[in-house]
PDB file of N, CA and C in Angstrom:
ATOM      1  N   MET A   1     118.377  76.217  54.606  1.00  0.00           N
ATOM      2  CA  MET A   1     119.395  75.784  55.522  1.00  0.00           C
ATOM      3  C   MET A   1     120.842  75.890  54.826  1.00  0.00           C
ATOM      4  N   LYS A   2     121.798  76.143  55.657  1.00  0.00           N
ATOM      5  CA  LYS A   2     123.164  76.243  55.080  1.00  0.00           C
ATOM      6  C   LYS A   2     123.597  74.900  54.507  1.00  0.00           C
ATOM      7  N   GLU A   3     124.464  75.060  53.422  1.00  0.00           N
ATOM      8  CA  GLU A   3     125.065  73.858  52.870  1.00  0.00           C
ATOM      9  C   GLU A   3     126.170  73.208  53.755  1.00  0.00           C
ATOM     10  N   PHE A   4     126.962  74.073  54.318  1.00  0.00           N
ATOM     11  CA  PHE A   4     127.952  73.633  55.231  1.00  0.00           C
ATOM     12  C   PHE A   4     127.659  73.976  56.713  1.00  0.00           C
ATOM     13  N   LEU A   5     127.910  72.945  57.601  1.00  0.00           N
ATOM     14  CA  LEU A   5     127.503  73.089  58.986  1.00  0.00           C
ATOM     15  C   LEU A   5     128.750  73.209  59.831  1.00  0.00           C
ATOM     16  N   THR A   6     128.673  73.943  60.954  1.00  0.00           N
ATOM     17  CA  THR A   6     129.720  74.072  61.866  1.00  0.00           C
ATOM     18  C   THR A   6     129.613  72.847  62.926  1.00  0.00           C
ATOM     19  N   VAL A   7     130.537  72.779  63.804  1.00  0.00           N
ATOM     20  CA  VAL A   7     130.455  71.645  64.741  1.00  0.00           C
ATOM     21  C   VAL A   7     129.258  71.896  65.601  1.00  0.00           C
ATOM     22  N   ASP A   8     129.009  73.116  65.991  1.00  0.00           N
ATOM     23  CA  ASP A   8     127.803  73.410  66.902  1.00  0.00           C
ATOM     24  C   ASP A   8     126.508  73.016  66.062  1.00  0.00           C
ATOM     25  N   ASP A   9     126.362  73.515  64.765  1.00  0.00           N
ATOM     26  CA  ASP A   9     125.248  73.244  64.000  1.00  0.00           C
ATOM     27  C   ASP A   9     125.040  71.664  63.856  1.00  0.00           C
ATOM     28  N   LEU A  10     126.125  70.935  63.568  1.00  0.00           N
ATOM     29  CA  LEU A  10     125.987  69.442  63.364  1.00  0.00           C
ATOM     30  C   LEU A  10     125.665  68.732  64.614  1.00  0.00           C
ATOM     31  N   SER A  11     126.251  69.253  65.831  1.00  0.00           N
ATOM     32  CA  SER A  11     125.817  68.581  67.007  1.00  0.00           C
ATOM     33  C   SER A  11     124.436  68.716  67.429  1.00  0.00           C
ATOM     34  N   GLN A  12     123.872  69.851  66.991  1.00  0.00           N
ATOM     35  CA  GLN A  12     122.388  70.022  67.292  1.00  0.00           C
ATOM     36  C   GLN A  12     121.602  69.173  66.237  1.00  0.00           C
ATOM     37  N   TYR A  13     122.091  69.135  65.019  1.00  0.00           N
ATOM     38  CA  TYR A  13     121.361  68.401  63.971  1.00  0.00           C
ATOM     39  C   TYR A  13     121.362  66.864  64.275  1.00  0.00           C
ATOM     40  N   LEU A  14     122.506  66.385  64.789  1.00  0.00           N
ATOM     41  CA  LEU A  14     122.558  64.945  65.040  1.00  0.00           C
ATOM     42  C   LEU A  14     122.104  64.595  66.512  1.00  0.00           C
ATOM     43  N   GLY A  15     122.074  65.584  67.408  1.00  0.00           N
ATOM     44  CA  GLY A  15     121.838  65.373  68.787  1.00  0.00           C
ATOM     45  C   GLY A  15     122.892  64.715  69.593  1.00  0.00           C
ATOM     46  N   ILE A  16     124.271  65.102  69.234  1.00  0.00           N
ATOM     47  CA  ILE A  16     125.223  64.506  69.948  1.00  0.00           C
ATOM     48  C   ILE A  16     126.192  65.598  70.381  1.00  0.00           C
ATOM     49  N   LYS A  17     127.030  65.350  71.369  1.00  0.00           N
ATOM     50  CA  LYS A  17     128.020  66.285  71.922  1.00  0.00           C
ATOM     51  C   LYS A  17     129.039  66.809  70.895  1.00  0.00           C
ATOM     52  N   ARG A  18     129.534  67.954  71.186  1.00  0.00           N
ATOM     53  CA  ARG A  18     130.599  68.545  70.266  1.00  0.00           C
ATOM     54  C   ARG A  18     131.835  67.718  70.377  1.00  0.00           C
ATOM     55  N   SER A  19     132.118  67.276  71.625  1.00  0.00           N
ATOM     56  CA  SER A  19     133.372  66.514  71.854  1.00  0.00           C
ATOM     57  C   SER A  19     133.347  65.186  71.114  1.00  0.00           C
ATOM     58  N   SER A  20     132.086  64.654  71.008  1.00  0.00           N
ATOM     59  CA  SER A  20     131.975  63.349  70.164  1.00  0.00           C
ATOM     60  C   SER A  20     132.254  63.648  68.745  1.00  0.00           C
ATOM     61  N   LEU A  21     131.884  64.769  68.256  1.00  0.00           N
ATOM     62  CA  LEU A  21     132.116  65.062  66.834  1.00  0.00           C
ATOM     63  C   LEU A  21     133.610  65.347  66.591  1.00  0.00           C
ATOM     64  N   TYR A  22     134.239  66.065  67.531  1.00  0.00           N
ATOM     65  CA  TYR A  22     135.776  66.201  67.388  1.00  0.00           C
ATOM     66  C   TYR A  22     136.410  64.966  67.403  1.00  0.00           C
ATOM     67  N   TYR A  23     135.947  64.070  68.289  1.00  0.00           N
ATOM     68  CA  TYR A  23     136.595  62.685  68.365  1.00  0.00           C
ATOM     69  C   TYR A  23     136.391  61.943  67.041  1.00  0.00           C
ATOM     70  N   MET A  24     135.170  61.985  66.443  1.00  0.00           N
ATOM     71  CA  MET A  24     134.929  61.315  65.223  1.00  0.00           C
ATOM     72  C   MET A  24     135.757  61.930  64.050  1.00  0.00           C
ATOM     73  N   VAL A  25     135.988  63.244  64.037  1.00  0.00           N
ATOM     74  CA  VAL A  25     136.876  63.922  63.064  1.00  0.00           C
ATOM     75  C   VAL A  25     138.242  63.429  63.259  1.00  0.00           C
ATOM     76  N   GLU A  26     138.736  63.385  64.468  1.00  0.00           N
ATOM     77  CA  GLU A  26     140.069  62.898  64.769  1.00  0.00           C
ATOM     78  C   GLU A  26     140.345  61.513  64.236  1.00  0.00           C
ATOM     79  N   LYS A  27     139.311  60.557  64.406  1.00  0.00           N
ATOM     80  CA  LYS A  27     139.409  59.255  64.062  1.00  0.00           C
ATOM     81  C   LYS A  27     138.984  58.993  62.592  1.00  0.00           C
ATOM     82  N   ARG A  28     138.560  60.025  61.876  1.00  0.00           N
ATOM     83  CA  ARG A  28     138.223  60.180  60.572  1.00  0.00           C
ATOM     84  C   ARG A  28     137.019  59.092  60.295  1.00  0.00           C
ATOM     85  N   GLU A  29     136.089  59.197  61.217  1.00  0.00           N
ATOM     86  CA  GLU A  29     134.867  58.337  61.135  1.00  0.00           C
ATOM     87  C   GLU A  29     133.671  59.006  60.566  1.00  0.00           C
ATOM     88  N   ILE A  30     133.820  60.305  60.276  1.00  0.00           N
ATOM     89  CA  ILE A  30     132.667  61.121  59.749  1.00  0.00           C
ATOM     90  C   ILE A  30     133.259  62.036  58.604  1.00  0.00           C
ATOM     91  N   PRO A  31     132.516  62.163  57.586  1.00  0.00           N
ATOM     92  CA  PRO A  31     132.968  63.028  56.425  1.00  0.00           C
ATOM     93  C   PRO A  31     133.064  64.570  56.835  1.00  0.00           C
ATOM     94  N   PHE A  32     134.179  65.170  56.604  1.00  0.00           N
ATOM     95  CA  PHE A  32     134.392  66.615  57.030  1.00  0.00           C
ATOM     96  C   PHE A  32     135.217  67.338  55.966  1.00  0.00           C
ATOM     97  N   TYR A  33     135.257  68.616  56.064  1.00  0.00           N
ATOM     98  CA  TYR A  33     136.099  69.495  55.290  1.00  0.00           C
ATOM     99  C   TYR A  33     136.965  70.414  56.258  1.00  0.00           C
ATOM    100  N   LYS A  34     138.207  70.536  55.913  1.00  0.00           N
ATOM    101  CA  LYS A  34     139.103  71.271  56.753  1.00  0.00           C
ATOM    102  C   LYS A  34     139.436  72.572  55.985  1.00  0.00           C
ATOM    103  N   ILE A  35     138.989  73.735  56.412  1.00  0.00           N
ATOM    104  CA  ILE A  35     139.289  75.012  55.909  1.00  0.00           C
ATOM    105  C   ILE A  35     140.174  75.726  56.802  1.00  0.00           C
ATOM    106  N   GLY A  36     141.431  75.758  56.582  1.00  0.00           N
ATOM    107  CA  GLY A  36     142.426  76.274  57.502  1.00  0.00           C
ATOM    108  C   GLY A  36     142.275  75.506  58.782  1.00  0.00           C
ATOM    109  N   ARG A  37     142.026  76.121  59.879  1.00  0.00           N
ATOM    110  CA  ARG A  37     141.875  75.440  61.102  1.00  0.00           C
ATOM    111  C   ARG A  37     140.384  75.121  61.429  1.00  0.00           C
ATOM    112  N   LEU A  38     139.485  75.444  60.495  1.00  0.00           N
ATOM    113  CA  LEU A  38     138.080  75.286  60.729  1.00  0.00           C
ATOM    114  C   LEU A  38     137.634  73.940  60.241  1.00  0.00           C
ATOM    115  N   VAL A  39     136.746  73.300  60.917  1.00  0.00           N
ATOM    116  CA  VAL A  39     136.170  72.058  60.564  1.00  0.00           C
ATOM    117  C   VAL A  39     134.704  72.289  60.135  1.00  0.00           C
ATOM    118  N   ARG A  40     134.368  71.859  58.866  1.00  0.00           N
ATOM    119  CA  ARG A  40     133.039  72.093  58.358  1.00  0.00           C
ATOM    120  C   ARG A  40     132.505  70.740  57.825  1.00  0.00           C
ATOM    121  N   PHE A  41     131.210  70.684  57.817  1.00  0.00           N
ATOM    122  CA  PHE A  41     130.494  69.420  57.363  1.00  0.00           C
ATOM    123  C   PHE A  41     129.470  69.759  56.394  1.00  0.00           C
ATOM    124  N   LYS A  42     129.517  69.064  55.196  1.00  0.00           N
ATOM    125  CA  LYS A  42     128.495  69.270  54.234  1.00  0.00           C
ATOM    126  C   LYS A  42     127.270  68.420  54.599  1.00  0.00           C
ATOM    127  N   LYS A  43     126.057  69.056  54.616  1.00  0.00           N
ATOM    128  CA  LYS A  43     124.927  68.409  54.967  1.00  0.00           C
ATOM    129  C   LYS A  43     124.561  67.186  54.142  1.00  0.00           C
ATOM    130  N   ALA A  44     124.772  67.270  52.825  1.00  0.00           N
ATOM    131  CA  ALA A  44     124.420  66.159  51.989  1.00  0.00           C
ATOM    132  C   ALA A  44     125.330  64.968  52.272  1.00  0.00           C
ATOM    133  N   ASP A  45     126.632  65.203  52.620  1.00  0.00           N
ATOM    134  CA  ASP A  45     127.621  64.165  52.949  1.00  0.00           C
ATOM    135  C   ASP A  45     127.147  63.568  54.256  1.00  0.00           C
ATOM    136  N   ILE A  46     126.766  64.369  55.261  1.00  0.00           N
ATOM    137  CA  ILE A  46     126.258  63.829  56.546  1.00  0.00           C
ATOM    138  C   ILE A  46     125.050  62.937  56.427  1.00  0.00           C
ATOM    139  N   ASP A  47     124.084  63.407  55.576  1.00  0.00           N
ATOM    140  CA  ASP A  47     122.944  62.581  55.346  1.00  0.00           C
ATOM    141  C   ASP A  47     123.186  61.276  54.701  1.00  0.00           C
ATOM    142  N   ALA A  48     124.072  61.271  53.723  1.00  0.00           N
ATOM    143  CA  ALA A  48     124.536  60.087  52.993  1.00  0.00           C
ATOM    144  C   ALA A  48     125.222  59.145  54.027  1.00  0.00           C
ATOM    145  N   TRP A  49     126.073  59.724  54.806  1.00  0.00           N
ATOM    146  CA  TRP A  49     126.807  58.900  55.896  1.00  0.00           C
ATOM    147  C   TRP A  49     125.823  58.246  56.921  1.00  0.00           C
ATOM    148  N   ILE A  50     124.916  58.971  57.346  1.00  0.00           N
ATOM    149  CA  ILE A  50     123.833  58.539  58.249  1.00  0.00           C
ATOM    150  C   ILE A  50     123.081  57.373  57.688  1.00  0.00           C
ATOM    151  N   CYS A  51     122.775  57.389  56.352  1.00  0.00           N
ATOM    152  CA  CYS A  51     122.080  56.298  55.773  1.00  0.00           C
ATOM    153  C   CYS A  51     122.920  55.074  55.660  1.00  0.00           C
ATOM    154  N   GLY A  52     124.185  55.238  55.588  1.00  0.00           N
ATOM    155  CA  GLY A  52     125.136  54.088  55.515  1.00  0.00           C
ATOM    156  C   GLY A  52     125.308  53.425  56.932  1.00  0.00           C
ATOM    157  N   LEU A  53     124.918  54.044  57.945  1.00  0.00           N
ATOM    158  CA  LEU A  53     124.989  53.474  59.343  1.00  0.00           C
ATOM    159  C   LEU A  53     123.725  52.741  59.732  1.00  0.00           C
ATOM    160  N   LYS A  54     122.800  52.574  58.846  1.00  0.00           N
ATOM    161  CA  LYS A  54     121.567  51.928  59.119  1.00  0.00           C
ATOM    162  C   LYS A  54     121.668  50.466  59.246  1.00  0.00           C
ATOM    163  N   PHE A  55     121.150  49.808  60.269  1.00  0.00           N
ATOM    164  CA  PHE A  55     121.235  48.333  60.475  1.00  0.00           C
ATOM    165  C   PHE A  55     119.835  47.851  60.315  1.00  0.00           C
ATOM    166  N   GLU A  56     119.731  46.720  59.604  1.00  0.00           N
ATOM    167  CA  GLU A  56     118.424  46.143  59.401  1.00  0.00           C
ATOM    168  C   GLU A  56     118.213  45.031  60.558  1.00  0.00           C
ATOM    169  N   VAL A  57     116.938  45.056  60.945  1.00  0.00           N
ATOM    170  CA  VAL A  57     116.561  44.088  61.954  1.00  0.00           C
ATOM    171  C   VAL A  57     116.252  42.687  61.303  1.00  0.00           C
ATOM    172  N   VAL A  58     116.919  41.605  61.867  1.00  0.00           N
ATOM    173  CA  VAL A  58     116.773  40.349  61.358  1.00  0.00           C
ATOM    174  C   VAL A  58     116.208  39.370  62.324  1.00  0.00           C
ATOM    175  N   ASN A  59     115.250  38.662  61.912  1.00  0.00           N
ATOM    176  CA  ASN A  59     114.672  37.641  62.755  1.00  0.00           C
ATOM    177  C   ASN A  59     115.572  36.405  62.516  1.00  0.00           C
ATOM    178  N   LEU A  60     116.469  36.132  63.510  1.00  0.00           N
ATOM    179  CA  LEU A  60     117.385  35.013  63.433  1.00  0.00           C
ATOM    180  C   LEU A  60     116.744  33.662  63.400  1.00  0.00           C
ATOM    181  N   GLN A  61     115.688  33.474  64.101  1.00  0.00           N
ATOM    182  CA  GLN A  61     115.084  32.142  64.151  1.00  0.00           C
ATOM    183  C   GLN A  61     114.425  31.770  62.758  1.00  0.00           C
ATOM    184  N   ALA A  62     113.758  32.745  62.231  1.00  0.00           N
ATOM    185  CA  ALA A  62     113.210  32.534  60.852  1.00  0.00           C
ATOM    186  C   ALA A  62     114.285  32.314  59.840  1.00  0.00           C
ATOM    187  N   LYS A  63     115.352  33.127  59.871  1.00  0.00           N
ATOM    188  CA  LYS A  63     116.387  32.975  58.922  1.00  0.00           C
ATOM    189  C   LYS A  63     117.130  31.660  59.039  1.00  0.00           C
ATOM    190  N   SER A  64     117.430  31.181  60.255  1.00  0.00           N
ATOM    191  CA  SER A  64     118.035  29.920  60.455  1.00  0.00           C
ATOM    192  C   SER A  64     117.118  28.797  60.005  1.00  0.00           C
ATOM    193  N   ARG A  65     115.880  28.825  60.302  1.00  0.00           N
ATOM    194  CA  ARG A  65     114.997  27.791  59.817  1.00  0.00           C
ATOM    195  C   ARG A  65     114.909  27.696  58.304  1.00  0.00           C
ATOM    196  N   ARG A  66     114.996  28.948  57.657  1.00  0.00           N
ATOM    197  CA  ARG A  66     114.985  28.929  56.165  1.00  0.00           C
ATOM    198  C   ARG A  66     116.253  28.368  55.600  1.00  0.00           C
ATOM    199  N   ILE A  67     117.403  28.652  56.280  1.00  0.00           N
ATOM    200  CA  ILE A  67     118.701  28.069  55.796  1.00  0.00           C
ATOM    201  C   ILE A  67     118.711  26.558  55.996  1.00  0.00           C
ATOM    202  N   ILE A  68     118.292  26.056  57.131  1.00  0.00           N
ATOM    203  CA  ILE A  68     118.215  24.576  57.381  1.00  0.00           C
ATOM    204  C   ILE A  68     117.334  23.975  56.464  1.00  0.00           C
ATOM    205  N   LYS A  69     116.189  24.537  56.214  1.00  0.00           N
ATOM    206  CA  LYS A  69     115.145  23.864  55.354  1.00  0.00           C
ATOM    207  C   LYS A  69     115.699  23.837  53.883  1.00  0.00           C
ATOM    208  N   ASN A  70     116.291  24.870  53.460  1.00  0.00           N
ATOM    209  CA  ASN A  70     116.720  24.899  52.075  1.00  0.00           C
ATOM    210  C   ASN A  70     118.079  24.221  51.779  1.00  0.00           C
ATOM    211  N   ASP A  71     118.980  24.267  52.720  1.00  0.00           N
ATOM    212  CA  ASP A  71     120.294  23.813  52.616  1.00  0.00           C
ATOM    213  C   ASP A  71     120.647  22.758  53.686  1.00  0.00           C
ATOM    214  N   LYS A  72     120.175  21.544  53.464  1.00  0.00           N
ATOM    215  CA  LYS A  72     120.430  20.518  54.479  1.00  0.00           C
ATOM    216  C   LYS A  72     121.832  20.161  54.506  1.00  0.00           C
ATOM    217  N   PRO A  73     122.451  20.064  55.768  1.00  0.00           N
ATOM    218  CA  PRO A  73     123.964  19.843  55.873  1.00  0.00           C
ATOM    219  C   PRO A  73     124.357  18.478  55.458  1.00  0.00           C
ATOM    220  N   ASP A  74     125.402  18.364  54.762  1.00  0.00           N
ATOM    221  CA  ASP A  74     125.976  17.105  54.347  1.00  0.00           C
ATOM    222  C   ASP A  74     126.837  16.452  55.473  1.00  0.00           C
ATOM    223  N   ILE A  75     126.204  15.552  56.214  1.00  0.00           N
ATOM    224  CA  ILE A  75     126.795  15.003  57.351  1.00  0.00           C
ATOM    225  C   ILE A  75     128.086  14.210  57.035  1.00  0.00           C
ATOM    226  N   ASN A  76     128.078  13.560  56.033  1.00  0.00           N
ATOM    227  CA  ASN A  76     129.360  12.787  55.601  1.00  0.00           C
ATOM    228  C   ASN A  76     130.534  13.855  55.424  1.00  0.00           C
ATOM    229  N   ARG A  77     130.247  14.910  54.741  1.00  0.00           N
ATOM    230  CA  ARG A  77     131.264  15.915  54.541  1.00  0.00           C
ATOM    231  C   ARG A  77     131.751  16.523  55.849  1.00  0.00           C
ATOM    232  N   ILE A  78     130.877  16.797  56.719  1.00  0.00           N
ATOM    233  CA  ILE A  78     131.238  17.284  58.064  1.00  0.00           C
ATOM    234  C   ILE A  78     132.091  16.373  58.857  1.00  0.00           C
ATOM    235  N   ILE A  79     131.667  15.081  58.813  1.00  0.00           N
ATOM    236  CA  ILE A  79     132.512  14.046  59.596  1.00  0.00           C
ATOM    237  C   ILE A  79     133.861  13.858  58.992  1.00  0.00           C
ATOM    238  N   LYS A  80     134.007  13.827  57.634  1.00  0.00           N
ATOM    239  CA  LYS A  80     135.295  13.666  57.006  1.00  0.00           C
ATOM    240  C   LYS A  80     136.250  14.934  57.305  1.00  0.00           C
ATOM    241  N   LYS A  81     135.568  16.086  57.292  1.00  0.00           N
ATOM    242  CA  LYS A  81     136.410  17.280  57.649  1.00  0.00           C
ATOM    243  C   LYS A  81     136.907  17.177  59.030  1.00  0.00           C
ATOM    244  N   ASN A  82     136.012  16.808  60.009  1.00  0.00           N
ATOM    245  CA  ASN A  82     136.483  16.715  61.423  1.00  0.00           C
ATOM    246  C   ASN A  82     137.559  15.704  61.639  1.00  0.00           C
ATOM    247  N   ILE A  83     137.423  14.466  60.974  1.00  0.00           N
ATOM    248  CA  ILE A  83     138.376  13.431  61.039  1.00  0.00           C
ATOM    249  C   ILE A  83     139.765  13.885  60.533  1.00  0.00           C
ATOM    250  N   ALA A  84     139.705  14.616  59.413  1.00  0.00           N
ATOM    251  CA  ALA A  84     140.948  15.183  58.805  1.00  0.00           C
ATOM    252  C   ALA A  84     141.650  16.146  59.830  1.00  0.00           C
ATOM    253  N   GLN A  85     140.819  17.028  60.448  1.00  0.00           N
ATOM    254  CA  GLN A  85     141.346  17.900  61.417  1.00  0.00           C
ATOM    255  C   GLN A  85     142.024  17.250  62.601  1.00  0.00           C
ATOM    256  N   VAL A  86     141.358  16.169  63.044  1.00  0.00           N
ATOM    257  CA  VAL A  86     141.937  15.414  64.221  1.00  0.00           C
ATOM    258  C   VAL A  86     143.197  14.707  63.801  1.00  0.00           C
ATOM    259  N   LYS A  87     143.274  14.141  62.678  1.00  0.00           N
ATOM    260  CA  LYS A  87     144.432  13.491  62.185  1.00  0.00           C
ATOM    261  C   LYS A  87     145.687  14.413  62.007  1.00  0.00           C
ATOM    262  N   ALA A  88     145.310  15.640  61.502  1.00  0.00           N
ATOM    263  CA  ALA A  88     146.387  16.645  61.391  1.00  0.00           C
ATOM    264  C   ALA A  88     146.954  16.974  62.682  1.00  0.00           C
ATOM    265  N   LEU A  89     146.127  17.045  63.735  1.00  0.00           N
ATOM    266  CA  LEU A  89     146.640  17.366  65.114  1.00  0.00           C
ATOM    267  C   LEU A  89     147.586  16.230  65.685  1.00  0.00           C
ATOM    268  N   GLY A  90     147.373  15.013  65.234  1.00  0.00           N
ATOM    269  CA  GLY A  90     148.119  13.897  65.763  1.00  0.00           C
ATOM    270  C   GLY A  90     149.513  13.828  65.522  1.00  0.00           C
ATOM    271  N   TYR A  91     149.956  14.521  64.374  1.00  0.00           N
ATOM    272  CA  TYR A  91     151.414  14.408  63.990  1.00  0.00           C
ATOM    273  C   TYR A  91     152.201  15.381  64.797  1.00  0.00           C
ATOM    274  N   THR A  92     153.296  14.929  65.247  1.00  0.00           N
ATOM    275  CA  THR A  92     154.204  15.817  66.000  1.00  0.00           C
ATOM    276  C   THR A  92     155.516  15.970  65.241  1.00  0.00           C
ATOM    277  N   PRO A  93     156.374  16.926  65.606  1.00  0.00           N
ATOM    278  CA  PRO A  93     157.669  17.084  64.931  1.00  0.00           C
ATOM    279  C   PRO A  93     158.586  15.850  65.185  1.00  0.00           C
ATOM    280  N   LYS A  94     158.355  15.115  66.303  1.00  0.00           N
ATOM    281  CA  LYS A  94     159.228  14.000  66.522  1.00  0.00           C
ATOM    282  C   LYS A  94     158.999  12.855  65.458  1.00  0.00           C
ATOM    283  N   TYR A  95     157.748  12.659  65.147  1.00  0.00           N
ATOM    284  CA  TYR A  95     157.452  11.604  64.114  1.00  0.00           C
ATOM    285  C   TYR A  95     157.261  12.148  62.676  1.00  0.00           C
ATOM    286  N   GLY A  96     157.047  13.390  62.562  1.00  0.00           N
ATOM    287  CA  GLY A  96     156.921  14.004  61.240  1.00  0.00           C
ATOM    288  C   GLY A  96     155.539  13.787  60.635  1.00  0.00           C
ATOM    289  N   ARG A  97     155.445  14.462  59.403  1.00  0.00           N
ATOM    290  CA  ARG A  97     154.144  14.249  58.753  1.00  0.00           C
ATOM    291  C   ARG A  97     154.264  13.210  57.744  1.00  0.00           C
ATOM    292  N   PRO A  98     153.204  12.654  57.328  1.00  0.00           N
ATOM    293  CA  PRO A  98     153.212  11.453  56.319  1.00  0.00           C
ATOM    294  C   PRO A  98     153.759  12.040  54.994  1.00  0.00           C
ATOM    295  N   GLY A  99     154.503  11.158  54.382  1.00  0.00           N
ATOM    296  CA  GLY A  99     155.182  11.493  53.113  1.00  0.00           C
ATOM    297  C   GLY A  99     156.447  12.245  53.179  1.00  0.00           C
ATOM    298  N   GLU A 100     156.807  12.409  54.510  1.00  0.00           N
ATOM    299  CA  GLU A 100     158.146  13.220  54.696  1.00  0.00           C
ATOM    300  C   GLU A 100     159.261  12.262  54.519  1.00  0.00           C
ATOM    301  N   ILE A 101     160.358  12.646  53.765  1.00  0.00           N
ATOM    302  CA  ILE A 101     161.535  11.800  53.540  1.00  0.00           C
ATOM    303  C   ILE A 101     162.454  11.928  54.817  1.00  0.00           C
ATOM    304  N   LYS A 102     162.817  10.807  55.361  1.00  0.00           N
ATOM    305  CA  LYS A 102     163.615  10.790  56.536  1.00  0.00           C
ATOM    306  C   LYS A 102     165.084  10.473  56.219  1.00  0.00           C
ATOM    307  N   ASP A 103     165.894  10.802  57.072  1.00  0.00           N
ATOM    308  CA  ASP A 103     167.374  10.506  57.024  1.00  0.00           C
ATOM    309  C   ASP A 103     168.192  11.187  55.882  1.00  0.00           C
ATOM    310  N   LEU A 104     167.621  12.308  55.309  1.00  0.00           N
ATOM    311  CA  LEU A 104     168.377  13.088  54.397  1.00  0.00           C
ATOM    312  C   LEU A 104     169.217  14.152  55.100  1.00  0.00           C
ATOM    313  N   GLY A 105     170.456  14.337  54.678  1.00  0.00           N
ATOM    314  CA  GLY A 105     171.295  15.323  55.325  1.00  0.00           C
ATOM    315  C   GLY A 105     171.913  14.851  56.568  1.00  0.00           C
ATOM    316  N   LYS A 106     171.847  13.618  56.924  1.00  0.00           N
ATOM    317  CA  LYS A 106     172.496  13.189  58.184  1.00  0.00           C
ATOM    318  C   LYS A 106     173.938  12.746  57.865  1.00  0.00           C
ATOM    319  N   GLU A 107     174.749  13.127  58.747  1.00  0.00           N
ATOM    320  CA  GLU A 107     176.219  12.820  58.578  1.00  0.00           C
ATOM    321  C   GLU A 107     176.627  11.635  59.431  1.00  0.00           C
ATOM    322  N   VAL A 108     177.643  10.977  59.010  1.00  0.00           N
ATOM    323  CA  VAL A 108     178.196   9.943  59.844  1.00  0.00           C
ATOM    324  C   VAL A 108     179.086  10.593  60.886  1.00  0.00           C
ATOM    325  N   SER A 109     179.563   9.898  61.853  1.00  0.00           N
ATOM    326  CA  SER A 109     180.192  10.384  62.964  1.00  0.00           C
ATOM    327  C   SER A 109     181.611  11.188  62.564  1.00  0.00           C
ATOM    328  N   ASP A 110     182.232  10.761  61.444  1.00  0.00           N
ATOM    329  CA  ASP A 110     183.455  11.453  61.090  1.00  0.00           C
ATOM    330  C   ASP A 110     183.150  12.723  60.312  1.00  0.00           C
ATOM    331  N   GLY A 111     181.923  13.098  60.113  1.00  0.00           N
ATOM    332  CA  GLY A 111     181.677  14.444  59.378  1.00  0.00           C
ATOM    333  C   GLY A 111     181.412  14.224  57.869  1.00  0.00           C
ATOM    334  N   THR A 112     181.573  13.107  57.353  1.00  0.00           N
ATOM    335  CA  THR A 112     181.338  12.913  55.886  1.00  0.00           C
ATOM    336  C   THR A 112     179.851  12.440  55.693  1.00  0.00           C
ATOM    337  N   LEU A 113     179.389  12.603  54.450  1.00  0.00           N
ATOM    338  CA  LEU A 113     178.023  12.192  54.180  1.00  0.00           C
ATOM    339  C   LEU A 113     177.961  10.790  53.814  1.00  0.00           C
TER     340      LEU A 113
END
């Protein structure tokens, strides 16, 4: 088999449309070579790229049970974090945040400090 594939060759090899390949080249989603105006694909690069697209099937129920069993949640930490978030939402610009120094930079009515 040839080392470099044309768009037609690769569309047959992958079983997808030529227009899909041109779109992938335009978006630079697939490895390609540009020789003048010609687009070519190296078979070894395409095979490596295909291997990188592989998704592993994960049993979410078994994984979540394993995580919960091995890493029991710290309820006190979760509660403290949520309380801190609620308190942070309670401060408004009118009242300011705790520790903020008030009345700095205010002038008296005649314009002096």
